[in-house]
Amino acid sequence: MKVLLINSVSGIKSTGRICTDLADALIETGHECRIAYGREHVPERYRTISYRIGSDFDVFLHGLQSRIFDNTGFGSRKATVPLIDWIKAYDPDIIHLHNLHGYYINIEVLFNYLKEAGKPVVWTLHDCWPFTGHCAHFDFVGCEKWKMGCFQCPQKGEYPTSYVFDSSKQNYQRKKELFTSLNNLTVVTPSNWLAGLVKQSFLSKYPVQVIHNGIDLEQFKPTPSKFRVKHGIENKVMLLGIASVWNHRKGLNTFLELAEMLDDHYVIVLAGLSKKQLDNLPKNIIGIQRTDSVKELAEIYTAADVFINPTMEDNYPTVNLEALACGTPVIFFNTGGNAETIKANTGIATETRDAEGIVKVINSDFWSKIDVSIETRKHLDKNLQNIQYISLFNSFRLFDLKRASC
């Protein structure tokens, strides 16, 4: 079986690691796999199976057009045409889509090919962008226009940002026409929460399967280090937050408020900050820029007493899984698929979605009830995720064999 994965990145960040983990599993079980990606670097071990779509300039140009015309997904035409030629030459049995936003691919060119090719397509949704006219998430503003047809987008200035035009109405109609044109599409969501939204969207005509994300427990595990010594916080309670991009939706403002409410017994560590954000931190927050080193991440997770995820909207946060795998409990806001990542007594949701809710948990008997033993972490294993994906891929092959024998 030959499988093609398409994603914005390969081997880095949460979705990129999901792709390479699945590629490893496919290759180990005797299948072929390639990853077509759009941006940033690829770890050396995955370069031979990764195909770069376009260039940095193509990504820049697509992003620039998007900021003016609000046309994310409809740029990169010249970069996508060679991709289609490459796909035809590779001739995969199954095409597995992931994030198609990120300024790297033209969805019109791609879906016209997918419709013509008629190959089985699996699409793992990591957010809500596939069924909206603009945004990747809408919980924060309580928008429900996506159910009937987007217009006058209240989040035009949010990712994928447009500073000039609002094309949400046209985008919605074009995406609906393209994304519902396939005869053999299966939608996968990492959370039941997102599956419920898909069933209310124009993608509801397709079967939806929930496959929870998993992580590599050989890499994300309790990893002792000198992190606390390095930062002089050996005797403090370390509260950790990690994000690839920090903003108010991810909870940055909540952490800033939390810093004002805590005494010197506590210290907050935030990883994934930009240089500008680092320059504006209060003294009791230690800031770290983003790292793609899994070992460094594991060391930071392990050093923390508790991981805090105050995200206002998310699908199935991989950072929760990574923290738990490293033996660190999680305090979280009950938003999106956040709660689905927590099993048994490995974490707790706050009663209110604010800094006061976090303080209330910290001052409770939460600590005495926590169990992050090996047994409670087994559900995090990426192998469980990969087995389900390969089983799904094999179901298409069995269907084709039965159809051929008729």
Protein backbone atom coordinates (compact mmCIF):
# COMPACT_ATOMS: atom_id res chain seq x y z
CA MET A 1 0.00 0.00 0.00
CA LYS A 2 1.31 3.45 -0.97
CA VAL A 3 0.12 6.35 1.18
CA LEU A 4 0.64 10.06 0.62
CA LEU A 5 0.32 12.51 3.54
CA ILE A 6 -0.14 16.23 2.85
CA ASN A 7 0.44 18.75 5.63
CA SER A 8 1.83 22.23 6.18
CA VAL A 9 4.92 20.84 7.96
CA SER A 10 6.76 17.53 8.25
CA GLY A 11 8.41 16.17 11.39
CA ILE A 12 8.02 19.33 13.49
CA LYS A 13 5.21 20.81 15.58
CA SER A 14 2.27 18.66 16.61
CA THR A 15 0.74 17.95 13.18
CA GLY A 16 4.15 17.42 11.58
CA ARG A 17 5.10 14.85 14.21
CA ILE A 18 1.73 13.11 13.80
CA CYS A 19 2.53 12.72 10.10
CA THR A 20 6.04 11.38 10.57
CA ASP A 21 4.94 9.04 13.37
CA LEU A 22 2.33 7.58 11.02
CA ALA A 23 4.89 7.39 8.20
CA ASP A 24 7.22 5.42 10.49
CA ALA A 25 4.42 3.00 11.38
CA LEU A 26 3.46 2.48 7.73
CA ILE A 27 7.04 1.84 6.64
CA GLU A 28 7.69 -0.50 9.57
CA THR A 29 4.66 -2.61 8.54
CA GLY A 30 5.81 -2.95 4.94
CA HIS A 31 3.99 -0.07 3.27
CA GLU A 32 5.29 2.94 1.36
CA CYS A 33 4.73 6.49 2.52
CA ARG A 34 5.60 10.00 1.35
CA ILE A 35 4.87 13.37 2.94
CA ALA A 36 4.20 16.48 0.86
CA TYR A 37 4.70 19.58 3.02
CA GLY A 38 4.71 23.31 2.53
CA ARG A 39 6.98 25.16 4.91
CA GLU A 40 9.82 25.26 7.44
CA HIS A 41 12.56 22.66 7.88
CA VAL A 42 12.31 18.88 8.01
CA PRO A 43 14.36 16.74 10.44
CA GLU A 44 17.14 15.02 8.49
CA ARG A 45 15.81 11.49 8.97
CA TYR A 46 12.58 12.39 7.12
CA ARG A 47 14.04 14.33 4.20
CA THR A 48 14.13 11.31 1.87
CA ILE A 49 10.37 10.74 2.22
CA SER A 50 9.34 14.42 2.22
CA TYR A 51 8.49 16.52 -0.84
CA ARG A 52 8.57 20.32 -0.51
CA ILE A 53 5.63 22.11 -2.12
CA GLY A 54 6.90 25.40 -3.52
CA SER A 55 9.41 27.60 -1.73
CA ASP A 56 9.71 30.15 1.06
CA PHE A 57 8.92 32.86 -1.48
CA ASP A 58 5.73 31.05 -2.51
CA VAL A 59 4.64 30.92 1.14
CA PHE A 60 5.46 34.62 1.55
CA LEU A 61 3.50 35.57 -1.56
CA HIS A 62 0.48 33.45 -0.58
CA GLY A 63 0.52 34.97 2.91
CA LEU A 64 0.78 38.50 1.51
CA GLN A 65 -2.17 37.91 -0.84
CA SER A 66 -4.16 36.47 2.05
CA ARG A 67 -3.56 39.54 4.18
CA ILE A 68 -4.97 41.73 1.41
CA PHE A 69 -7.60 39.60 -0.34
CA ASP A 70 -8.54 37.10 2.41
CA ASN A 71 -7.90 34.19 0.02
CA THR A 72 -6.07 31.65 2.17
CA GLY A 73 -6.01 28.35 0.31
CA PHE A 74 -6.46 29.93 -3.10
CA GLY A 75 -2.89 31.12 -3.65
CA SER A 76 0.17 28.97 -4.45
CA ARG A 77 -1.25 27.83 -7.80
CA LYS A 78 2.19 27.68 -9.46
CA ALA A 79 3.53 25.68 -6.52
CA THR A 80 0.63 23.22 -6.53
CA VAL A 81 0.66 22.28 -10.22
CA PRO A 82 4.10 20.56 -9.94
CA LEU A 83 2.80 18.81 -6.79
CA ILE A 84 0.00 17.23 -8.82
CA ASP A 85 2.52 16.00 -11.39
CA TRP A 86 4.61 14.54 -8.56
CA ILE A 87 1.54 12.83 -7.03
CA LYS A 88 0.66 11.30 -10.39
CA ALA A 89 4.19 9.93 -10.71
CA TYR A 90 4.13 8.52 -7.16
CA ASP A 91 0.61 7.11 -7.75
CA PRO A 92 -0.48 6.57 -4.11
CA ASP A 93 -3.29 4.19 -3.20
CA ILE A 94 -4.58 6.53 -0.48
CA ILE A 95 -4.18 10.27 0.02
CA HIS A 96 -4.28 11.48 3.61
CA LEU A 97 -4.82 15.23 4.06
CA HIS A 98 -4.01 17.18 7.21
CA ASN A 99 -3.69 20.99 7.53
CA LEU A 100 -4.33 22.62 4.16
CA HIS A 101 -4.07 26.17 5.47
CA GLY A 102 -0.70 27.76 6.10
CA TYR A 103 -0.15 29.59 2.79
CA TYR A 104 1.44 26.70 0.88
CA ILE A 105 -1.13 24.94 -1.33
CA ASN A 106 -3.97 25.75 -3.72
CA ILE A 107 -7.04 23.82 -2.61
CA GLU A 108 -8.79 24.37 -5.94
CA VAL A 109 -5.99 22.70 -7.94
CA LEU A 110 -5.67 19.95 -5.32
CA PHE A 111 -9.37 19.06 -5.07
CA ASN A 112 -9.91 19.18 -8.82
CA TYR A 113 -7.19 16.54 -9.07
CA LEU A 114 -8.62 14.49 -6.18
CA LYS A 115 -12.04 14.50 -7.82
CA GLU A 116 -10.58 13.40 -11.15
CA ALA A 117 -8.32 10.73 -9.62
CA GLY A 118 -11.09 9.14 -7.58
CA LYS A 119 -8.64 7.73 -5.03
CA PRO A 120 -9.71 7.18 -1.41
CA VAL A 121 -9.07 10.34 0.60
CA VAL A 122 -8.78 10.60 4.38
CA TRP A 123 -8.83 14.10 5.83
CA THR A 124 -7.76 14.60 9.43
CA LEU A 125 -9.08 17.94 10.66
CA HIS A 126 -6.93 19.65 13.27
CA ASP A 127 -9.21 22.68 13.52
CA CYS A 128 -12.38 24.17 11.99
CA TRP A 129 -10.88 25.94 8.96
CA PRO A 130 -12.16 23.35 6.42
CA PHE A 131 -15.79 24.31 7.04
CA THR A 132 -15.61 28.06 7.66
CA GLY A 133 -15.18 31.00 5.34
CA HIS A 134 -12.14 32.31 7.18
CA CYS A 135 -11.23 31.25 10.70
CA ALA A 136 -9.65 28.16 12.24
CA HIS A 137 -11.70 28.47 15.45
CA PHE A 138 -14.86 30.37 16.35
CA ASP A 139 -15.63 29.40 19.96
CA PHE A 140 -13.97 32.48 21.43
CA VAL A 141 -16.39 34.85 19.67
CA GLY A 142 -19.37 32.49 19.71
CA CYS A 143 -19.91 32.72 15.95
CA GLU A 144 -22.26 30.22 14.26
CA LYS A 145 -22.37 31.63 10.75
CA TRP A 146 -20.39 28.60 9.52
CA LYS A 147 -23.53 26.46 9.89
CA MET A 148 -25.37 28.23 7.08
CA GLY A 149 -22.86 30.43 5.27
CA CYS A 150 -20.18 32.86 6.41
CA PHE A 151 -20.34 36.63 5.81
CA GLN A 152 -19.06 39.79 7.50
CA CYS A 153 -16.52 37.73 9.43
CA PRO A 154 -16.05 38.96 13.02
CA GLN A 155 -12.54 37.48 12.99
CA LYS A 156 -11.14 38.91 9.78
CA GLY A 157 -8.14 40.20 11.73
CA GLU A 158 -7.39 36.81 13.28
CA TYR A 159 -5.46 33.97 11.66
CA PRO A 160 -5.40 33.71 8.71
CA THR A 161 -5.35 37.50 8.99
CA SER A 162 -6.77 39.81 6.35
CA TYR A 163 -6.15 43.52 6.81
CA VAL A 164 -8.21 44.68 3.84
CA PHE A 165 -10.96 42.59 2.26
CA ASP A 166 -13.47 40.21 3.83
CA SER A 167 -13.93 37.30 1.41
CA SER A 168 -15.52 34.96 3.94
CA LYS A 169 -18.77 34.63 1.98
CA GLN A 170 -17.01 33.71 -1.27
CA ASN A 171 -14.49 31.49 0.55
CA TYR A 172 -17.30 29.56 2.23
CA GLN A 173 -19.10 28.88 -1.04
CA ARG A 174 -15.91 27.91 -2.90
CA LYS A 175 -14.72 25.63 -0.10
CA LYS A 176 -18.13 24.01 0.20
CA GLU A 177 -18.23 23.28 -3.52
CA LEU A 178 -14.69 21.89 -3.56
CA PHE A 179 -14.73 19.92 -0.33
CA THR A 180 -18.07 18.22 -1.02
CA SER A 181 -17.11 17.23 -4.58
CA LEU A 182 -15.36 13.96 -3.65
CA ASN A 183 -17.11 10.58 -3.75
CA ASN A 184 -14.66 8.74 -1.51
CA LEU A 185 -13.76 10.93 1.47
CA THR A 186 -13.56 9.95 5.13
CA VAL A 187 -13.18 12.69 7.73
CA VAL A 188 -11.13 11.97 10.86
CA THR A 189 -11.16 14.19 13.93
CA PRO A 190 -8.90 13.83 16.99
CA SER A 191 -11.76 14.73 19.34
CA ASN A 192 -15.45 13.99 19.77
CA TRP A 193 -15.94 17.72 20.20
CA LEU A 194 -14.72 18.46 16.67
CA ALA A 195 -16.61 15.46 15.27
CA GLY A 196 -19.81 17.01 16.63
CA LEU A 197 -19.09 20.27 14.80
CA VAL A 198 -18.29 18.48 11.53
CA LYS A 199 -21.69 16.79 11.68
CA GLN A 200 -23.31 20.24 11.75
CA SER A 201 -21.26 21.52 8.81
CA PHE A 202 -21.37 21.03 5.04
CA LEU A 203 -18.98 18.08 5.54
CA SER A 204 -21.76 16.16 7.31
CA LYS A 205 -22.41 14.10 4.15
CA TYR A 206 -19.18 12.19 4.79
CA PRO A 207 -18.44 9.50 7.41
CA VAL A 208 -16.62 10.85 10.46
CA GLN A 209 -14.27 8.75 12.59
CA VAL A 210 -12.64 9.88 15.84
CA ILE A 211 -8.97 8.90 16.22
CA HIS A 212 -7.34 10.53 19.22
CA ASN A 213 -3.84 11.88 18.67
CA GLY A 214 -1.00 9.97 20.26
CA ILE A 215 2.63 10.78 20.97
CA ASP A 216 5.97 8.98 21.10
CA LEU A 217 6.32 7.71 24.66
CA GLU A 218 9.95 6.81 23.98
CA GLN A 219 10.70 10.52 23.56
CA PHE A 220 8.10 12.17 25.76
CA LYS A 221 8.79 10.57 29.12
CA PRO A 222 10.10 11.69 32.53
CA THR A 223 13.43 13.28 31.57
CA PRO A 224 15.54 14.65 34.44
CA SER A 225 17.65 17.74 33.71
CA LYS A 226 19.24 20.75 35.34
CA PHE A 227 16.50 23.07 34.08
CA ARG A 228 15.52 24.23 37.58
CA VAL A 229 19.15 24.77 38.60
CA LYS A 230 19.87 26.70 35.42
CA HIS A 231 17.03 29.13 36.16
CA GLY A 232 17.51 29.25 39.94
CA ILE A 233 14.06 27.90 40.79
CA GLU A 234 14.95 24.71 42.71
CA ASN A 235 12.72 25.61 45.67
CA LYS A 236 9.74 27.04 43.82
CA VAL A 237 6.52 25.51 42.52
CA MET A 238 6.92 25.63 38.75
CA LEU A 239 3.78 26.30 36.69
CA LEU A 240 4.34 25.61 32.99
CA GLY A 241 2.66 26.76 29.79
CA ILE A 242 3.74 25.78 26.26
CA ALA A 243 2.37 26.88 22.88
CA SER A 244 3.72 27.18 19.35
CA VAL A 245 2.17 30.66 19.17
CA TRP A 246 1.13 32.63 22.25
CA ASN A 247 -1.86 34.99 22.12
CA HIS A 248 -4.93 35.83 24.20
CA ARG A 249 -6.78 32.79 22.81
CA LYS A 250 -4.01 30.47 23.93
CA GLY A 251 -4.15 32.05 27.38
CA LEU A 252 -1.21 34.46 27.44
CA ASN A 253 -3.28 37.17 29.14
CA THR A 254 -4.46 34.60 31.68
CA PHE A 255 -0.85 33.80 32.59
CA LEU A 256 -0.03 37.50 32.93
CA GLU A 257 -2.97 37.91 35.31
CA LEU A 258 -1.94 34.77 37.17
CA ALA A 259 1.56 36.17 37.67
CA GLU A 260 0.08 39.15 39.53
CA MET A 261 -1.94 36.89 41.85
CA LEU A 262 0.81 34.48 42.95
CA ASP A 263 3.37 34.97 45.70
CA ASP A 264 7.11 34.23 45.55
CA HIS A 265 6.49 30.56 46.30
CA TYR A 266 5.53 30.10 42.64
CA VAL A 267 7.21 30.72 39.31
CA ILE A 268 5.66 30.60 35.84
CA VAL A 269 7.60 29.26 32.85
CA LEU A 270 6.24 29.95 29.36
CA ALA A 271 7.83 28.25 26.33
CA GLY A 272 7.19 29.22 22.72
CA LEU A 273 7.26 33.01 23.14
CA SER A 274 8.39 35.45 20.46
CA LYS A 275 11.31 37.81 21.06
CA LYS A 276 8.90 40.73 21.47
CA GLN A 277 6.87 38.83 24.06
CA LEU A 278 10.04 37.91 25.97
CA ASP A 279 10.92 41.59 26.36
CA ASN A 280 7.57 42.39 28.03
CA LEU A 281 7.35 39.67 30.66
CA PRO A 282 6.96 40.38 34.41
CA LYS A 283 9.80 39.25 36.66
CA ASN A 284 8.05 36.12 37.94
CA ILE A 285 7.61 34.65 34.46
CA ILE A 286 10.55 32.89 32.82
CA GLY A 287 10.19 33.04 29.04
CA ILE A 288 11.65 30.61 26.51
CA GLN A 289 11.51 30.80 22.73
CA ARG A 290 10.02 27.99 20.67
CA THR A 291 12.09 24.82 20.32
CA ASP A 292 11.61 21.84 18.02
CA SER A 293 13.91 19.70 20.18
CA VAL A 294 11.76 16.93 21.66
CA LYS A 295 14.41 16.21 24.30
CA GLU A 296 14.43 19.83 25.46
CA LEU A 297 10.64 19.88 25.58
CA ALA A 298 10.59 16.66 27.61
CA GLU A 299 13.07 18.16 30.08
CA ILE A 300 10.94 21.29 30.52
CA TYR A 301 7.72 19.29 30.98
CA THR A 302 9.43 17.03 33.53
CA ALA A 303 10.83 19.95 35.52
CA ALA A 304 7.36 21.44 36.03
CA ASP A 305 5.11 20.68 38.99
CA VAL A 306 2.00 21.25 36.91
CA PHE A 307 1.18 22.09 33.30
CA ILE A 308 -1.50 24.74 32.78
CA ASN A 309 -3.50 24.98 29.56
CA PRO A 310 -5.86 27.97 29.63
CA THR A 311 -6.65 27.82 25.90
CA MET A 312 -9.99 29.33 24.96
CA GLU A 313 -10.35 27.13 21.87
CA ASP A 314 -8.53 24.00 20.75
CA ASN A 315 -9.22 20.64 19.19
CA TYR A 316 -7.23 17.98 21.07
CA PRO A 317 -4.20 19.75 22.57
CA THR A 318 -1.04 17.71 22.03
CA VAL A 319 0.73 19.75 24.71
CA ASN A 320 -1.53 18.13 27.33
CA LEU A 321 -0.48 14.68 26.13
CA GLU A 322 3.20 15.62 26.15
CA ALA A 323 2.98 16.96 29.71
CA LEU A 324 1.20 13.86 30.99
CA ALA A 325 3.68 11.58 29.24
CA CYS A 326 6.46 13.34 31.15
CA GLY A 327 4.65 12.71 34.44
CA THR A 328 3.27 16.24 34.87
CA PRO A 329 -0.43 16.76 35.74
CA VAL A 330 -2.58 19.25 33.84
CA ILE A 331 -4.86 22.09 34.92
CA PHE A 332 -7.05 23.18 32.01
CA PHE A 333 -10.05 25.19 30.91
CA ASN A 334 -12.97 23.02 29.80
CA THR A 335 -12.95 24.27 26.21
CA GLY A 336 -12.96 22.41 22.89
CA GLY A 337 -11.48 18.93 23.18
CA ASN A 338 -9.28 19.86 26.16
CA ALA A 339 -11.07 17.54 28.60
CA GLU A 340 -10.84 14.54 26.24
CA THR A 341 -7.06 14.45 26.65
CA ILE A 342 -7.35 13.81 30.39
CA LYS A 343 -7.96 10.33 31.80
CA ALA A 344 -8.47 9.20 35.40
CA ASN A 345 -6.86 11.62 37.89
CA THR A 346 -4.18 13.03 35.61
CA GLY A 347 -5.63 16.53 35.54
CA ILE A 348 -8.51 18.79 36.47
CA ALA A 349 -10.63 21.49 34.83
CA THR A 350 -11.07 24.87 36.49
CA GLU A 351 -14.57 25.94 37.55
CA THR A 352 -14.16 29.29 35.81
CA ARG A 353 -12.16 30.11 32.69
CA ASP A 354 -9.87 32.71 34.25
CA ALA A 355 -6.81 33.14 36.44
CA GLU A 356 -8.92 32.98 39.59
CA GLY A 357 -10.12 29.53 38.58
CA ILE A 358 -6.51 28.37 38.25
CA VAL A 359 -5.56 29.79 41.65
CA LYS A 360 -8.53 28.01 43.20
CA VAL A 361 -7.32 24.66 41.86
CA ILE A 362 -3.72 25.30 42.94
CA ASN A 363 -4.90 26.05 46.49
CA SER A 364 -7.17 22.98 46.64
CA ASP A 365 -6.41 19.34 47.47
CA PHE A 366 -5.89 18.72 43.75
CA TRP A 367 -2.29 17.69 44.35
CA SER A 368 -3.16 14.76 46.64
CA LYS A 369 -5.51 13.18 44.09
CA ILE A 370 -3.16 13.19 41.11
CA ASP A 371 -2.00 9.93 39.55
CA VAL A 372 0.35 10.20 36.57
CA SER A 373 1.73 6.68 36.84
CA ILE A 374 2.69 4.60 33.80
CA GLU A 375 -0.72 2.91 33.83
CA THR A 376 -2.61 6.19 33.49
CA ARG A 377 -0.40 7.25 30.56
CA LYS A 378 -0.93 4.24 28.27
CA HIS A 379 -3.71 5.92 26.28
CA LEU A 380 -1.20 8.51 25.06
CA ASP A 381 0.78 6.00 22.95
CA LYS A 382 1.06 7.01 19.29
CA ASN A 383 0.92 3.31 18.33
CA LEU A 384 -2.78 3.25 19.27
CA GLN A 385 -3.40 6.14 16.86
CA ASN A 386 -1.32 4.57 14.09
CA ILE A 387 -3.03 1.18 14.38
CA GLN A 388 -6.41 2.87 13.86
CA TYR A 389 -5.19 4.82 10.84
CA ILE A 390 -3.64 1.76 9.19
CA SER A 391 -6.82 -0.20 9.89
CA LEU A 392 -8.81 2.59 8.18
CA PHE A 393 -6.45 2.56 5.19
CA ASN A 394 -6.72 -1.23 4.93
CA SER A 395 -10.52 -1.01 4.91
CA PHE A 396 -10.31 0.85 1.59
CA ARG A 397 -8.11 -1.87 0.13
CA LEU A 398 -10.49 -4.63 1.28
CA PHE A 399 -13.40 -2.75 -0.26
CA ASP A 400 -11.55 -2.45 -3.57
CA LEU A 401 -10.68 -6.17 -3.52
CA LYS A 402 -14.30 -7.16 -2.87
CA ARG A 403 -15.51 -4.82 -5.61
CA ALA A 404 -12.94 -6.25 -8.06
CA SER A 405 -14.06 -9.83 -7.35
CA CYS A 406 -17.73 -9.07 -8.07
